[in-house]
Amino acid sequence: MAKLRTASIVFAVALLGAGAAWAAKDAGGDRDRHDWRNSPDFAARHAEMCKDLYAREVGRTAYLEARLQLTPAQEPLFETWKNVVLANAGERSKTCAAMTPPVQWPSFLDMMQHEETRLQARLGALQAEMPALTSLYQSLSPEQQRAFMADGRGRGPRGRFGREHGGHDGPPRDGPHDGGPDRPDDGA
């Protein structure tokens, strides 16, 4: 018990010492805790992240195309949908790349304006995608529709990444197997 108390006191003193050193370093008031945003390393990582937005979408659509095992009649519908999705991803990537870190911390109103702009862009992308998605999705078999949802594009009962909470990969919790008398609800 004495060792634990001694270790706790040493830790507290070290923590207080680190806090005092940090406060002394910032005593001039000129230390910007967000100064890392202006470093060349941050700019390079941000540019790479923006490029990856598009690259990931290309990979996801290629994976989905292979997984769905499309029929010849479904292939042009998928191609039309994929072109819209990749055009939207390209726009997101360009918008991301054009962003620069703010000179000063944005106000609450600035952040709300940014969020509104981002959501309007997302809504526009969804509206552009819906006609092609509807045609494609309606042409898919029930098995293909489940594969489409499992890819994470579905926002239904299985969630954004195609899984229920906890990583469960079973059937969705709607329809005839919703925990009724023939299937007990396991709470997963």
Protein backbone atom coordinates (compact mmCIF):
# COMPACT_ATOMS: atom_id res chain seq x y z
CA MET A 1 0.00 0.00 0.00
CA ALA A 2 2.85 2.35 0.83
CA LYS A 3 4.44 1.67 -2.58
CA LEU A 4 1.20 2.51 -4.33
CA ARG A 5 0.86 5.75 -2.37
CA THR A 6 4.48 6.71 -3.13
CA ALA A 7 4.00 5.92 -6.84
CA SER A 8 0.81 8.02 -6.89
CA ILE A 9 2.57 10.97 -5.28
CA VAL A 10 5.49 10.72 -7.72
CA PHE A 11 3.06 10.60 -10.64
CA ALA A 12 1.12 13.61 -9.36
CA VAL A 13 4.30 15.64 -8.88
CA ALA A 14 5.49 14.73 -12.38
CA LEU A 15 2.11 15.69 -13.81
CA LEU A 16 2.12 19.02 -11.98
CA GLY A 17 5.68 19.66 -13.13
CA ALA A 18 4.73 19.00 -16.75
CA GLY A 19 1.74 21.33 -16.42
CA ALA A 20 3.91 24.07 -14.93
CA ALA A 21 6.45 23.68 -17.74
CA TRP A 22 3.69 23.93 -20.34
CA ALA A 23 2.24 27.01 -18.63
CA ALA A 24 5.70 28.64 -18.51
CA LYS A 25 6.21 27.89 -22.20
CA ASP A 26 2.88 29.58 -22.98
CA ALA A 27 3.45 32.50 -20.61
CA GLY A 28 4.07 34.87 -23.51
CA GLY A 29 0.61 34.05 -24.90
CA ASP A 30 2.03 33.62 -28.40
CA ARG A 31 1.91 29.83 -28.50
CA ASP A 32 -0.77 28.63 -30.91
CA ARG A 33 -1.90 25.15 -29.99
CA HIS A 34 -3.06 24.72 -33.60
CA ASP A 35 0.23 25.83 -35.12
CA TRP A 36 0.80 22.31 -36.45
CA ARG A 37 -1.85 23.03 -39.11
CA ASN A 38 0.53 25.44 -40.85
CA SER A 39 3.38 22.94 -41.11
CA PRO A 40 4.37 21.54 -44.51
CA ASP A 41 3.86 18.05 -43.11
CA PHE A 42 0.21 18.81 -42.36
CA ALA A 43 -0.34 20.24 -45.84
CA ALA A 44 1.15 17.12 -47.43
CA ARG A 45 -0.92 14.78 -45.26
CA HIS A 46 -4.06 16.79 -45.98
CA ALA A 47 -3.43 16.64 -49.74
CA GLU A 48 -2.87 12.88 -49.54
CA MET A 49 -6.06 12.43 -47.53
CA CYS A 50 -8.03 14.36 -50.15
CA LYS A 51 -6.64 12.18 -52.95
CA ASP A 52 -7.54 9.10 -50.95
CA LEU A 53 -11.21 10.13 -50.85
CA TYR A 54 -11.46 9.44 -54.57
CA ALA A 55 -9.17 6.40 -54.54
CA ARG A 56 -11.20 4.71 -51.81
CA GLU A 57 -14.43 5.21 -53.73
CA VAL A 58 -12.86 3.71 -56.86
CA GLY A 59 -11.82 0.70 -54.79
CA ARG A 60 -15.20 0.33 -53.12
CA THR A 61 -17.10 0.43 -56.40
CA ALA A 62 -14.70 -2.06 -58.03
CA TYR A 63 -15.07 -4.42 -55.06
CA LEU A 64 -18.84 -4.09 -55.13
CA GLU A 65 -18.98 -4.70 -58.87
CA ALA A 66 -17.03 -7.93 -58.47
CA ARG A 67 -19.04 -9.02 -55.45
CA LEU A 68 -22.43 -8.46 -57.06
CA GLN A 69 -21.68 -10.73 -60.06
CA LEU A 70 -23.78 -8.56 -62.33
CA THR A 71 -25.79 -9.91 -65.22
CA PRO A 72 -25.27 -8.39 -68.68
CA ALA A 73 -28.55 -6.44 -68.22
CA GLN A 74 -27.33 -5.01 -64.88
CA GLU A 75 -23.86 -3.96 -66.07
CA PRO A 76 -24.92 -0.71 -67.83
CA LEU A 77 -27.05 0.27 -64.81
CA PHE A 78 -24.08 -0.30 -62.51
CA GLU A 79 -21.79 1.66 -64.83
CA THR A 80 -24.20 4.63 -64.85
CA TRP A 81 -24.45 4.59 -61.06
CA LYS A 82 -20.68 4.16 -60.65
CA ASN A 83 -20.00 7.17 -62.90
CA VAL A 84 -22.24 9.36 -60.74
CA VAL A 85 -20.67 8.08 -57.51
CA LEU A 86 -17.13 8.64 -58.81
CA ALA A 87 -18.02 12.12 -60.11
CA ASN A 88 -19.34 12.98 -56.63
CA ALA A 89 -16.19 11.55 -55.03
CA GLY A 90 -14.05 13.59 -57.41
CA GLU A 91 -15.90 16.77 -56.42
CA ARG A 92 -15.47 15.95 -52.70
CA SER A 93 -11.78 15.34 -53.30
CA LYS A 94 -11.37 18.69 -55.11
CA THR A 95 -13.30 20.54 -52.41
CA CYS A 96 -11.17 18.90 -49.74
CA ALA A 97 -7.94 19.80 -51.54
CA ALA A 98 -9.04 23.43 -51.87
CA MET A 99 -9.59 23.79 -48.12
CA THR A 100 -6.97 25.69 -46.16
CA PRO A 101 -6.59 25.90 -42.40
CA PRO A 102 -8.18 29.01 -40.95
CA VAL A 103 -5.90 31.82 -39.82
CA GLN A 104 -7.69 31.93 -36.50
CA TRP A 105 -10.00 29.56 -34.73
CA PRO A 106 -13.41 29.79 -36.46
CA SER A 107 -16.35 31.19 -34.57
CA PHE A 108 -19.38 29.07 -33.83
CA LEU A 109 -21.22 30.77 -36.71
CA ASP A 110 -18.33 30.03 -39.08
CA MET A 111 -18.43 26.37 -38.08
CA MET A 112 -22.20 26.24 -38.58
CA GLN A 113 -21.83 27.85 -42.02
CA HIS A 114 -19.18 25.29 -42.95
CA GLU A 115 -21.44 22.46 -41.79
CA GLU A 116 -24.37 23.86 -43.80
CA THR A 117 -22.21 24.09 -46.93
CA ARG A 118 -20.95 20.53 -46.42
CA LEU A 119 -24.46 19.19 -45.90
CA GLN A 120 -25.79 21.02 -48.98
CA ALA A 121 -23.00 19.45 -51.05
CA ARG A 122 -23.84 16.01 -49.63
CA LEU A 123 -27.54 16.51 -50.36
CA GLY A 124 -26.72 17.52 -53.94
CA ALA A 125 -24.58 14.40 -54.33
CA LEU A 126 -27.37 12.19 -52.99
CA GLN A 127 -29.93 13.80 -55.28
CA ALA A 128 -27.64 13.27 -58.27
CA GLU A 129 -27.07 9.62 -57.29
CA MET A 130 -30.66 8.59 -56.51
CA PRO A 131 -32.03 8.06 -60.06
CA ALA A 132 -29.12 5.83 -61.09
CA LEU A 133 -29.10 4.07 -57.71
CA THR A 134 -32.84 3.40 -57.88
CA SER A 135 -32.57 1.84 -61.34
CA LEU A 136 -29.61 -0.29 -60.33
CA TYR A 137 -30.98 -1.39 -56.97
CA GLN A 138 -34.36 -2.38 -58.39
CA SER A 139 -32.61 -4.56 -60.99
CA LEU A 140 -30.72 -6.52 -58.33
CA SER A 141 -31.83 -9.88 -56.97
CA PRO A 142 -32.56 -10.10 -53.23
CA GLU A 143 -29.12 -11.71 -52.69
CA GLN A 144 -27.43 -8.90 -54.61
CA GLN A 145 -29.40 -6.30 -52.64
CA ARG A 146 -28.11 -7.85 -49.39
CA ALA A 147 -24.55 -7.74 -50.76
CA PHE A 148 -25.09 -4.11 -51.73
CA MET A 149 -26.26 -3.24 -48.22
CA ALA A 150 -23.44 -5.23 -46.61
CA ASP A 151 -20.97 -3.08 -48.54
CA GLY A 152 -21.93 -0.21 -46.26
CA ARG A 153 -23.90 1.81 -48.76
CA GLY A 154 -27.14 0.89 -47.08
CA ARG A 155 -28.17 3.15 -44.24
CA GLY A 156 -30.87 0.83 -43.01
CA PRO A 157 -31.14 -1.42 -39.96
CA ARG A 158 -27.65 -2.83 -40.47
CA GLY A 159 -25.96 0.54 -40.16
CA ARG A 160 -23.45 2.42 -42.21
CA PHE A 161 -20.86 -0.32 -42.47
CA GLY A 162 -23.22 -3.20 -43.13
CA ARG A 163 -23.06 -4.60 -39.64
CA GLU A 164 -25.18 -4.35 -36.57
CA HIS A 165 -23.55 -2.96 -33.46
CA GLY A 166 -20.91 -5.29 -32.15
CA GLY A 167 -19.88 -6.56 -35.58
CA HIS A 168 -22.76 -9.07 -35.88
CA ASP A 169 -23.08 -10.14 -39.50
CA GLY A 170 -26.44 -11.87 -39.32
CA PRO A 171 -29.66 -10.98 -41.09
CA PRO A 172 -31.17 -7.55 -40.58
CA ARG A 173 -33.47 -7.14 -37.59
CA ASP A 174 -36.56 -6.35 -39.55
CA GLY A 175 -39.15 -8.43 -41.31
CA PRO A 176 -40.36 -11.81 -40.10
CA HIS A 177 -37.32 -12.44 -37.88
CA ASP A 178 -37.57 -9.42 -35.62
CA GLY A 179 -37.45 -11.27 -32.34
CA GLY A 180 -40.95 -12.71 -32.68
CA PRO A 181 -42.07 -16.06 -31.24
CA ASP A 182 -40.14 -18.15 -33.78
CA ARG A 183 -36.82 -16.41 -33.04
CA PRO A 184 -35.93 -15.07 -29.63
CA ASP A 185 -34.33 -11.69 -29.55
CA ASP A 186 -30.73 -12.16 -28.41
CA GLY A 187 -30.23 -8.43 -27.81
CA ALA A 188 -27.34 -8.15 -30.26
